[in-house]
Amino acid sequence: MRCSRCKEKAIIYLKPYKIALCKNCYPNFYLNLVSRSIKRYKIIRRGEKVLACVSGGKDSSAMAFALKKLGYNIEILYIDLGIGEYSVRSRKVVEELAEEIDVPFHLVELSEYGFTIDDVDVKKVCSVCGTAKRYLMNRFARMNGFDIIATGHTVEDMILFFIKNVLSGGIEWIPKLIPRSEGFNGLVTRARPLFERSEKENMLFVLSLNIPFLIDECPYAPRDVWKEIVYDIEAKKPGFKRNFVRGLIKLAKSVKIDERWNLRSCKVCGE
């Protein structure tokens, strides 16, 4: 199989785009896709001070590298959750990434707040971890003058958020499933610049450019059957994931937010 652009040996054939690409041509193709998404959905605006939250995994590492390469004003935040050697290795990777792309590196340690994820009941780990990260990201961004928080959520993540919200009856949360959520009441604007990109595309990007990332998964990460189902559908219907999230954006805009919501700030910390 030859690259559709330069005729060198291809490393991947992307069925949704009907194109084969080599190691040298793929990165630019990927960057163009990310840039197109950002511009089409106005995810990040030029001049905004962006806090790129990086865990060290392939997705957030790909996001930070791509945003820097595309000329956005970013700084990196790493949250040390205190998950044994996993956190030690991931922290080192993020420090290497920040140095390689020449952006400021910021560190917040969950232990400063009196506990670590290793202290949490295993059955509650994912819920507590998610809550802690959202709190710390927003607090750091708010207190340090960032305009927007960028996370490495993928197209698979967006589909799974939708499925799980529907199954749990949380229809009112669907409006949050858009690539840019404007801030309010002390919440900093959130951006998901990779919301149309797949885990496979992100992996190819970091591998083709030797971008620092941690291949290990979080030791607490559960097996996600729904993600396997989504991959099975994509294999049988190429382009399903991309088309799904594009339709999801239209749906999110049509769902009315409950006006009874009254979000207030914490009297202790202001969050």
C-alpha atoms as a PDB file:
ATOM      1  CA  MET A   1       0.000   0.000   0.000  1.00  0.00           C
ATOM      2  CA  ARG A   2       1.397   3.375  -1.072  1.00  0.00           C
ATOM      3  CA  CYS A   3       0.833   6.861   0.335  1.00  0.00           C
ATOM      4  CA  SER A   4      -1.828   8.728  -1.612  1.00  0.00           C
ATOM      5  CA  ARG A   5       0.300  11.888  -1.502  1.00  0.00           C
ATOM      6  CA  CYS A   6       3.971  10.995  -1.933  1.00  0.00           C
ATOM      7  CA  LYS A   7       3.780   7.325  -3.021  1.00  0.00           C
ATOM      8  CA  GLU A   8       6.057   6.159  -0.206  1.00  0.00           C
ATOM      9  CA  LYS A   9       5.083   3.123   1.849  1.00  0.00           C
ATOM     10  CA  ALA A  10       1.888   3.927   3.781  1.00  0.00           C
ATOM     11  CA  ILE A  11       1.446   3.190   7.491  1.00  0.00           C
ATOM     12  CA  ILE A  12      -2.337   3.551   7.534  1.00  0.00           C
ATOM     13  CA  TYR A  13      -5.405   3.584   5.346  1.00  0.00           C
ATOM     14  CA  LEU A  14      -8.105   5.826   6.783  1.00  0.00           C
ATOM     15  CA  LYS A  15     -11.406   4.434   5.553  1.00  0.00           C
ATOM     16  CA  PRO A  16     -13.591   7.458   6.481  1.00  0.00           C
ATOM     17  CA  TYR A  17     -11.349   9.689   4.331  1.00  0.00           C
ATOM     18  CA  LYS A  18     -10.474   7.058   1.698  1.00  0.00           C
ATOM     19  CA  ILE A  19      -6.787   7.943   1.919  1.00  0.00           C
ATOM     20  CA  ALA A  20      -3.546   6.065   2.599  1.00  0.00           C
ATOM     21  CA  LEU A  21      -0.737   7.971   4.292  1.00  0.00           C
ATOM     22  CA  CYS A  22       2.918   7.416   5.156  1.00  0.00           C
ATOM     23  CA  LYS A  23       4.718   8.356   8.353  1.00  0.00           C
ATOM     24  CA  ASN A  24       5.822  11.709   6.911  1.00  0.00           C
ATOM     25  CA  CYS A  25       2.508  12.781   5.389  1.00  0.00           C
ATOM     26  CA  TYR A  26       0.197  11.688   8.195  1.00  0.00           C
ATOM     27  CA  PRO A  27       1.157  14.393  10.773  1.00  0.00           C
ATOM     28  CA  ASN A  28       0.230  17.273   8.450  1.00  0.00           C
ATOM     29  CA  PHE A  29      -3.012  15.539   7.492  1.00  0.00           C
ATOM     30  CA  TYR A  30      -3.845  15.146  11.203  1.00  0.00           C
ATOM     31  CA  LEU A  31      -2.980  18.774  11.996  1.00  0.00           C
ATOM     32  CA  ASN A  32      -5.195  19.960   9.150  1.00  0.00           C
ATOM     33  CA  LEU A  33      -8.094  17.936  10.547  1.00  0.00           C
ATOM     34  CA  VAL A  34      -7.616  19.423  14.033  1.00  0.00           C
ATOM     35  CA  SER A  35      -7.296  22.938  12.619  1.00  0.00           C
ATOM     36  CA  ARG A  36     -10.436  22.467  10.528  1.00  0.00           C
ATOM     37  CA  SER A  37     -12.447  21.332  13.570  1.00  0.00           C
ATOM     38  CA  ILE A  38     -11.245  24.259  15.682  1.00  0.00           C
ATOM     39  CA  LYS A  39     -12.130  26.791  13.008  1.00  0.00           C
ATOM     40  CA  ARG A  40     -15.431  25.203  11.975  1.00  0.00           C
ATOM     41  CA  TYR A  41     -16.810  25.059  15.510  1.00  0.00           C
ATOM     42  CA  LYS A  42     -14.896  28.080  16.879  1.00  0.00           C
ATOM     43  CA  ILE A  43     -13.445  25.891  19.639  1.00  0.00           C
ATOM     44  CA  ILE A  44     -10.461  28.123  20.457  1.00  0.00           C
ATOM     45  CA  ARG A  45      -9.993  31.731  19.416  1.00  0.00           C
ATOM     46  CA  ARG A  46      -6.718  33.306  18.499  1.00  0.00           C
ATOM     47  CA  GLY A  47      -5.283  35.270  21.400  1.00  0.00           C
ATOM     48  CA  GLU A  48      -6.950  33.217  24.122  1.00  0.00           C
ATOM     49  CA  LYS A  49      -4.699  32.008  26.911  1.00  0.00           C
ATOM     50  CA  VAL A  50      -5.165  28.238  26.867  1.00  0.00           C
ATOM     51  CA  LEU A  51      -4.568  25.861  29.769  1.00  0.00           C
ATOM     52  CA  ALA A  52      -3.884  22.482  28.148  1.00  0.00           C
ATOM     53  CA  CYS A  53      -4.573  19.784  30.721  1.00  0.00           C
ATOM     54  CA  VAL A  54      -2.268  16.859  29.972  1.00  0.00           C
ATOM     55  CA  SER A  55      -2.320  13.493  31.723  1.00  0.00           C
ATOM     56  CA  GLY A  56       0.572  12.004  29.775  1.00  0.00           C
ATOM     57  CA  GLY A  57      -1.602   9.690  27.695  1.00  0.00           C
ATOM     58  CA  LYS A  58      -1.592   9.704  23.885  1.00  0.00           C
ATOM     59  CA  ASP A  59      -4.737  11.834  23.518  1.00  0.00           C
ATOM     60  CA  SER A  60      -3.832  14.803  25.718  1.00  0.00           C
ATOM     61  CA  SER A  61      -0.208  14.694  24.534  1.00  0.00           C
ATOM     62  CA  ALA A  62      -1.397  14.801  20.912  1.00  0.00           C
ATOM     63  CA  MET A  63      -3.697  17.714  21.786  1.00  0.00           C
ATOM     64  CA  ALA A  64      -0.977  19.823  23.432  1.00  0.00           C
ATOM     65  CA  PHE A  65       1.497  19.179  20.629  1.00  0.00           C
ATOM     66  CA  ALA A  66      -1.074  19.976  17.934  1.00  0.00           C
ATOM     67  CA  LEU A  67      -2.247  23.208  19.589  1.00  0.00           C
ATOM     68  CA  LYS A  68       1.336  24.427  19.938  1.00  0.00           C
ATOM     69  CA  LYS A  69       2.130  23.464  16.352  1.00  0.00           C
ATOM     70  CA  LEU A  70      -0.975  25.335  15.144  1.00  0.00           C
ATOM     71  CA  GLY A  71       0.194  28.500  16.892  1.00  0.00           C
ATOM     72  CA  TYR A  72      -2.137  28.688  19.885  1.00  0.00           C
ATOM     73  CA  ASN A  73      -1.008  30.289  23.151  1.00  0.00           C
ATOM     74  CA  ILE A  74      -0.887  27.315  25.507  1.00  0.00           C
ATOM     75  CA  GLU A  75       0.564  26.352  28.847  1.00  0.00           C
ATOM     76  CA  ILE A  76       0.467  22.819  30.263  1.00  0.00           C
ATOM     77  CA  LEU A  77      -1.100  21.692  33.528  1.00  0.00           C
ATOM     78  CA  TYR A  78      -0.372  18.274  35.015  1.00  0.00           C
ATOM     79  CA  ILE A  79      -2.405  17.056  37.991  1.00  0.00           C
ATOM     80  CA  ASP A  80      -0.520  14.549  40.142  1.00  0.00           C
ATOM     81  CA  LEU A  81      -3.273  12.281  41.463  1.00  0.00           C
ATOM     82  CA  GLY A  82      -0.928  10.201  43.605  1.00  0.00           C
ATOM     83  CA  ILE A  83      -1.509   6.898  41.801  1.00  0.00           C
ATOM     84  CA  GLY A  84       1.776   5.235  42.767  1.00  0.00           C
ATOM     85  CA  GLU A  85       4.364   4.667  40.044  1.00  0.00           C
ATOM     86  CA  TYR A  86       1.787   5.451  37.356  1.00  0.00           C
ATOM     87  CA  SER A  87       1.673   9.104  38.455  1.00  0.00           C
ATOM     88  CA  VAL A  88       5.466   9.233  38.744  1.00  0.00           C
ATOM     89  CA  ARG A  89       5.907   8.036  35.150  1.00  0.00           C
ATOM     90  CA  SER A  90       3.122  10.166  33.683  1.00  0.00           C
ATOM     91  CA  ARG A  91       4.421  13.310  35.395  1.00  0.00           C
ATOM     92  CA  LYS A  92       7.872  12.741  33.891  1.00  0.00           C
ATOM     93  CA  VAL A  93       6.354  12.305  30.423  1.00  0.00           C
ATOM     94  CA  VAL A  94       4.386  15.556  30.658  1.00  0.00           C
ATOM     95  CA  GLU A  95       7.473  17.450  31.837  1.00  0.00           C
ATOM     96  CA  GLU A  96       9.362  16.085  28.810  1.00  0.00           C
ATOM     97  CA  LEU A  97       6.538  17.120  26.489  1.00  0.00           C
ATOM     98  CA  ALA A  98       6.420  20.662  27.881  1.00  0.00           C
ATOM     99  CA  GLU A  99      10.172  20.987  27.435  1.00  0.00           C
ATOM    100  CA  GLU A 100      10.073  19.591  23.888  1.00  0.00           C
ATOM    101  CA  ILE A 101       7.401  22.004  22.659  1.00  0.00           C
ATOM    102  CA  ASP A 102       8.773  24.857  24.789  1.00  0.00           C
ATOM    103  CA  VAL A 103       5.711  25.803  26.837  1.00  0.00           C
ATOM    104  CA  PRO A 104       5.353  26.541  30.576  1.00  0.00           C
ATOM    105  CA  PHE A 105       4.689  23.498  32.773  1.00  0.00           C
ATOM    106  CA  HIS A 106       2.427  23.763  35.831  1.00  0.00           C
ATOM    107  CA  LEU A 107       1.945  21.150  38.525  1.00  0.00           C
ATOM    108  CA  VAL A 108      -0.877  20.639  41.005  1.00  0.00           C
ATOM    109  CA  GLU A 109      -0.687  17.781  43.502  1.00  0.00           C
ATOM    110  CA  LEU A 110      -3.910  16.283  44.811  1.00  0.00           C
ATOM    111  CA  SER A 111      -2.101  15.390  48.052  1.00  0.00           C
ATOM    112  CA  GLU A 112      -2.063  19.108  48.882  1.00  0.00           C
ATOM    113  CA  TYR A 113      -5.823  18.772  49.402  1.00  0.00           C
ATOM    114  CA  GLY A 114      -5.515  16.009  51.997  1.00  0.00           C
ATOM    115  CA  PHE A 115      -5.802  12.786  49.980  1.00  0.00           C
ATOM    116  CA  THR A 116      -4.726  10.942  46.843  1.00  0.00           C
ATOM    117  CA  ILE A 117      -6.616   8.653  44.478  1.00  0.00           C
ATOM    118  CA  ASP A 118      -4.875   5.666  46.085  1.00  0.00           C
ATOM    119  CA  ASP A 119      -6.719   6.569  49.314  1.00  0.00           C
ATOM    120  CA  VAL A 120     -10.163   6.300  47.680  1.00  0.00           C
ATOM    121  CA  ASP A 121     -12.449   3.254  47.818  1.00  0.00           C
ATOM    122  CA  VAL A 122     -11.870   1.336  44.577  1.00  0.00           C
ATOM    123  CA  LYS A 123     -15.610   1.352  43.749  1.00  0.00           C
ATOM    124  CA  LYS A 124     -15.639   5.163  43.831  1.00  0.00           C
ATOM    125  CA  VAL A 125     -12.272   5.884  42.225  1.00  0.00           C
ATOM    126  CA  CYS A 126     -13.436   7.034  38.767  1.00  0.00           C
ATOM    127  CA  SER A 127     -16.151   9.298  40.161  1.00  0.00           C
ATOM    128  CA  VAL A 128     -13.860  10.894  42.741  1.00  0.00           C
ATOM    129  CA  CYS A 129     -11.000  11.225  40.248  1.00  0.00           C
ATOM    130  CA  GLY A 130     -13.202  12.985  37.686  1.00  0.00           C
ATOM    131  CA  THR A 131     -14.608  15.368  40.265  1.00  0.00           C
ATOM    132  CA  ALA A 132     -11.155  16.163  41.647  1.00  0.00           C
ATOM    133  CA  LYS A 133      -9.674  16.846  38.218  1.00  0.00           C
ATOM    134  CA  ARG A 134     -12.530  19.109  37.155  1.00  0.00           C
ATOM    135  CA  TYR A 135     -12.233  21.054  40.410  1.00  0.00           C
ATOM    136  CA  LEU A 136      -8.453  21.452  40.191  1.00  0.00           C
ATOM    137  CA  MET A 137      -8.432  22.356  36.485  1.00  0.00           C
ATOM    138  CA  ASN A 138     -11.046  25.041  36.941  1.00  0.00           C
ATOM    139  CA  ARG A 139      -9.532  26.441  40.124  1.00  0.00           C
ATOM    140  CA  PHE A 140      -6.049  26.690  38.622  1.00  0.00           C
ATOM    141  CA  ALA A 141      -7.317  28.260  35.403  1.00  0.00           C
ATOM    142  CA  ARG A 142      -9.540  30.747  37.227  1.00  0.00           C
ATOM    143  CA  MET A 143      -6.855  31.833  39.666  1.00  0.00           C
ATOM    144  CA  ASN A 144      -4.155  32.192  37.021  1.00  0.00           C
ATOM    145  CA  GLY A 145      -6.017  34.162  34.378  1.00  0.00           C
ATOM    146  CA  PHE A 146      -6.566  31.517  31.698  1.00  0.00           C
ATOM    147  CA  ASP A 147      -9.338  32.149  29.189  1.00  0.00           C
ATOM    148  CA  ILE A 148     -10.029  28.535  28.361  1.00  0.00           C
ATOM    149  CA  ILE A 149      -9.310  24.972  29.515  1.00  0.00           C
ATOM    150  CA  ALA A 150      -8.473  22.421  26.796  1.00  0.00           C
ATOM    151  CA  THR A 151      -8.812  18.684  27.372  1.00  0.00           C
ATOM    152  CA  GLY A 152      -7.961  15.720  25.155  1.00  0.00           C
ATOM    153  CA  HIS A 153     -11.430  14.178  24.926  1.00  0.00           C
ATOM    154  CA  THR A 154     -11.767  12.044  21.782  1.00  0.00           C
ATOM    155  CA  VAL A 155     -14.672  11.197  19.496  1.00  0.00           C
ATOM    156  CA  GLU A 156     -15.117   7.952  21.446  1.00  0.00           C
ATOM    157  CA  ASP A 157     -15.345   9.876  24.717  1.00  0.00           C
ATOM    158  CA  MET A 158     -18.069  12.140  23.336  1.00  0.00           C
ATOM    159  CA  ILE A 159     -20.164   9.209  22.121  1.00  0.00           C
ATOM    160  CA  LEU A 160     -19.790   7.384  25.431  1.00  0.00           C
ATOM    161  CA  PHE A 161     -20.772  10.515  27.386  1.00  0.00           C
ATOM    162  CA  PHE A 162     -23.946  10.693  25.308  1.00  0.00           C
ATOM    163  CA  ILE A 163     -24.840   7.017  25.654  1.00  0.00           C
ATOM    164  CA  LYS A 164     -24.295   6.968  29.412  1.00  0.00           C
ATOM    165  CA  ASN A 165     -26.232  10.204  29.950  1.00  0.00           C
ATOM    166  CA  VAL A 166     -29.195   8.842  27.999  1.00  0.00           C
ATOM    167  CA  LEU A 167     -29.134   5.485  29.792  1.00  0.00           C
ATOM    168  CA  SER A 168     -29.032   7.193  33.189  1.00  0.00           C
ATOM    169  CA  GLY A 169     -31.827   9.587  32.269  1.00  0.00           C
ATOM    170  CA  GLY A 170     -29.512  12.605  32.296  1.00  0.00           C
ATOM    171  CA  ILE A 171     -30.882  14.202  29.140  1.00  0.00           C
ATOM    172  CA  GLU A 172     -30.390  17.676  30.628  1.00  0.00           C
ATOM    173  CA  TRP A 173     -26.608  17.207  30.456  1.00  0.00           C
ATOM    174  CA  ILE A 174     -26.580  16.780  26.665  1.00  0.00           C
ATOM    175  CA  PRO A 175     -26.073  20.541  26.035  1.00  0.00           C
ATOM    176  CA  LYS A 176     -22.639  20.144  27.672  1.00  0.00           C
ATOM    177  CA  LEU A 177     -21.547  17.733  24.933  1.00  0.00           C
ATOM    178  CA  ILE A 178     -20.297  20.389  22.545  1.00  0.00           C
ATOM    179  CA  PRO A 179     -16.666  21.140  21.621  1.00  0.00           C
ATOM    180  CA  ARG A 180     -16.731  24.537  23.362  1.00  0.00           C
ATOM    181  CA  SER A 181     -18.701  25.253  26.526  1.00  0.00           C
ATOM    182  CA  GLU A 182     -18.696  28.915  27.517  1.00  0.00           C
ATOM    183  CA  GLY A 183     -17.853  29.697  31.120  1.00  0.00           C
ATOM    184  CA  PHE A 184     -20.216  31.223  33.663  1.00  0.00           C
ATOM    185  CA  ASN A 185     -20.514  31.691  37.442  1.00  0.00           C
ATOM    186  CA  GLY A 186     -16.788  31.127  37.991  1.00  0.00           C
ATOM    187  CA  LEU A 187     -16.567  28.192  35.592  1.00  0.00           C
ATOM    188  CA  VAL A 188     -13.859  28.715  32.983  1.00  0.00           C
ATOM    189  CA  THR A 189     -14.693  28.033  29.323  1.00  0.00           C
ATOM    190  CA  ARG A 190     -13.949  24.427  28.283  1.00  0.00           C
ATOM    191  CA  ALA A 191     -12.640  23.258  24.904  1.00  0.00           C
ATOM    192  CA  ARG A 192     -12.371  19.798  23.354  1.00  0.00           C
ATOM    193  CA  PRO A 193     -10.275  20.393  20.204  1.00  0.00           C
ATOM    194  CA  LEU A 194      -9.964  16.639  19.486  1.00  0.00           C
ATOM    195  CA  PHE A 195     -13.681  15.871  19.735  1.00  0.00           C
ATOM    196  CA  GLU A 196     -13.709  14.629  16.114  1.00  0.00           C
ATOM    197  CA  ARG A 197     -10.426  12.722  16.381  1.00  0.00           C
ATOM    198  CA  SER A 198     -10.262   9.052  17.312  1.00  0.00           C
ATOM    199  CA  GLU A 199      -7.900   7.316  19.716  1.00  0.00           C
ATOM    200  CA  LYS A 200      -6.334   5.529  16.738  1.00  0.00           C
ATOM    201  CA  GLU A 201      -5.670   8.812  14.918  1.00  0.00           C
ATOM    202  CA  ASN A 202      -4.109  10.301  18.058  1.00  0.00           C
ATOM    203  CA  MET A 203      -1.921   7.243  18.568  1.00  0.00           C
ATOM    204  CA  LEU A 204      -0.631   7.410  14.999  1.00  0.00           C
ATOM    205  CA  PHE A 205       0.145  11.113  15.452  1.00  0.00           C
ATOM    206  CA  VAL A 206       2.242  10.699  18.595  1.00  0.00           C
ATOM    207  CA  LEU A 207       4.032   7.647  17.191  1.00  0.00           C
ATOM    208  CA  SER A 208       4.820   9.237  13.834  1.00  0.00           C
ATOM    209  CA  LEU A 209       6.443  12.269  15.496  1.00  0.00           C
ATOM    210  CA  ASN A 210       7.858  10.498  18.574  1.00  0.00           C
ATOM    211  CA  ILE A 211       5.853  12.772  20.857  1.00  0.00           C
ATOM    212  CA  PRO A 212       6.377  11.863  24.539  1.00  0.00           C
ATOM    213  CA  PHE A 213       3.430   9.910  25.963  1.00  0.00           C
ATOM    214  CA  LEU A 214       2.786   7.160  28.491  1.00  0.00           C
ATOM    215  CA  ILE A 215       1.505   3.960  26.947  1.00  0.00           C
ATOM    216  CA  ASP A 216       0.356   2.546  30.312  1.00  0.00           C
ATOM    217  CA  GLU A 217      -3.330   2.798  31.198  1.00  0.00           C
ATOM    218  CA  CYS A 218      -4.474   3.988  34.598  1.00  0.00           C
ATOM    219  CA  PRO A 219      -4.438   0.947  36.907  1.00  0.00           C
ATOM    220  CA  TYR A 220      -7.946   1.852  38.047  1.00  0.00           C
ATOM    221  CA  ALA A 221      -9.412   2.150  34.537  1.00  0.00           C
ATOM    222  CA  PRO A 222     -12.305  -0.327  34.126  1.00  0.00           C
ATOM    223  CA  ARG A 223     -13.011  -2.259  30.951  1.00  0.00           C
ATOM    224  CA  ASP A 224     -15.509  -0.226  28.929  1.00  0.00           C
ATOM    225  CA  VAL A 225     -17.817  -2.524  26.957  1.00  0.00           C
ATOM    226  CA  TRP A 226     -19.551   0.452  25.341  1.00  0.00           C
ATOM    227  CA  LYS A 227     -16.274   1.612  23.806  1.00  0.00           C
ATOM    228  CA  GLU A 228     -15.795  -1.843  22.286  1.00  0.00           C
ATOM    229  CA  ILE A 229     -19.302  -1.621  20.811  1.00  0.00           C
ATOM    230  CA  VAL A 230     -18.537   1.792  19.302  1.00  0.00           C
ATOM    231  CA  TYR A 231     -15.376   0.421  17.701  1.00  0.00           C
ATOM    232  CA  ASP A 232     -17.315  -2.533  16.283  1.00  0.00           C
ATOM    233  CA  ILE A 233     -19.845  -0.180  14.674  1.00  0.00           C
ATOM    234  CA  GLU A 234     -17.065   1.981  13.214  1.00  0.00           C
ATOM    235  CA  ALA A 235     -15.405  -1.115  11.716  1.00  0.00           C
ATOM    236  CA  LYS A 236     -18.650  -2.036   9.942  1.00  0.00           C
ATOM    237  CA  LYS A 237     -19.647   1.545   9.113  1.00  0.00           C
ATOM    238  CA  PRO A 238     -16.545   3.735   8.562  1.00  0.00           C
ATOM    239  CA  GLY A 239     -17.221   7.362   9.460  1.00  0.00           C
ATOM    240  CA  PHE A 240     -19.898   6.474  12.026  1.00  0.00           C
ATOM    241  CA  LYS A 241     -18.102   8.134  14.952  1.00  0.00           C
ATOM    242  CA  ARG A 242     -17.391  11.392  13.159  1.00  0.00           C
ATOM    243  CA  ASN A 243     -20.942  11.667  11.828  1.00  0.00           C
ATOM    244  CA  PHE A 244     -22.362  10.794  15.258  1.00  0.00           C
ATOM    245  CA  VAL A 245     -20.626  13.658  17.078  1.00  0.00           C
ATOM    246  CA  ARG A 246     -21.541  16.119  14.345  1.00  0.00           C
ATOM    247  CA  GLY A 247     -25.169  15.139  14.778  1.00  0.00           C
ATOM    248  CA  LEU A 248     -24.713  15.326  18.545  1.00  0.00           C
ATOM    249  CA  ILE A 249     -23.749  19.002  18.295  1.00  0.00           C
ATOM    250  CA  LYS A 250     -27.019  19.776  16.519  1.00  0.00           C
ATOM    251  CA  LEU A 251     -28.952  17.790  19.121  1.00  0.00           C
ATOM    252  CA  ALA A 252     -27.164  19.514  22.020  1.00  0.00           C
ATOM    253  CA  LYS A 253     -28.192  22.923  20.700  1.00  0.00           C
ATOM    254  CA  SER A 254     -31.844  21.862  20.536  1.00  0.00           C
ATOM    255  CA  VAL A 255     -32.097  20.546  24.117  1.00  0.00           C
ATOM    256  CA  LYS A 256     -33.372  23.207  26.475  1.00  0.00           C
ATOM    257  CA  ILE A 257     -31.410  23.731  29.672  1.00  0.00           C
ATOM    258  CA  ASP A 258     -33.553  23.556  32.790  1.00  0.00           C
ATOM    259  CA  GLU A 259     -33.987  27.137  33.986  1.00  0.00           C
ATOM    260  CA  ARG A 260     -34.424  25.867  37.546  1.00  0.00           C
ATOM    261  CA  TRP A 261     -30.705  25.114  37.729  1.00  0.00           C
ATOM    262  CA  ASN A 262     -29.171  27.480  40.212  1.00  0.00           C
ATOM    263  CA  LEU A 263     -25.436  26.925  40.321  1.00  0.00           C
ATOM    264  CA  ARG A 264     -23.756  28.776  43.134  1.00  0.00           C
ATOM    265  CA  SER A 265     -20.169  29.168  44.294  1.00  0.00           C
ATOM    266  CA  CYS A 266     -18.744  27.352  47.311  1.00  0.00           C
ATOM    267  CA  LYS A 267     -18.581  29.659  50.346  1.00  0.00           C
ATOM    268  CA  VAL A 268     -15.250  28.129  51.404  1.00  0.00           C
ATOM    269  CA  CYS A 269     -13.116  28.121  48.229  1.00  0.00           C
ATOM    270  CA  GLY A 270     -15.135  30.053  45.659  1.00  0.00           C
ATOM    271  CA  GLU A 271     -15.478  27.172  43.201  1.00  0.00           C
END
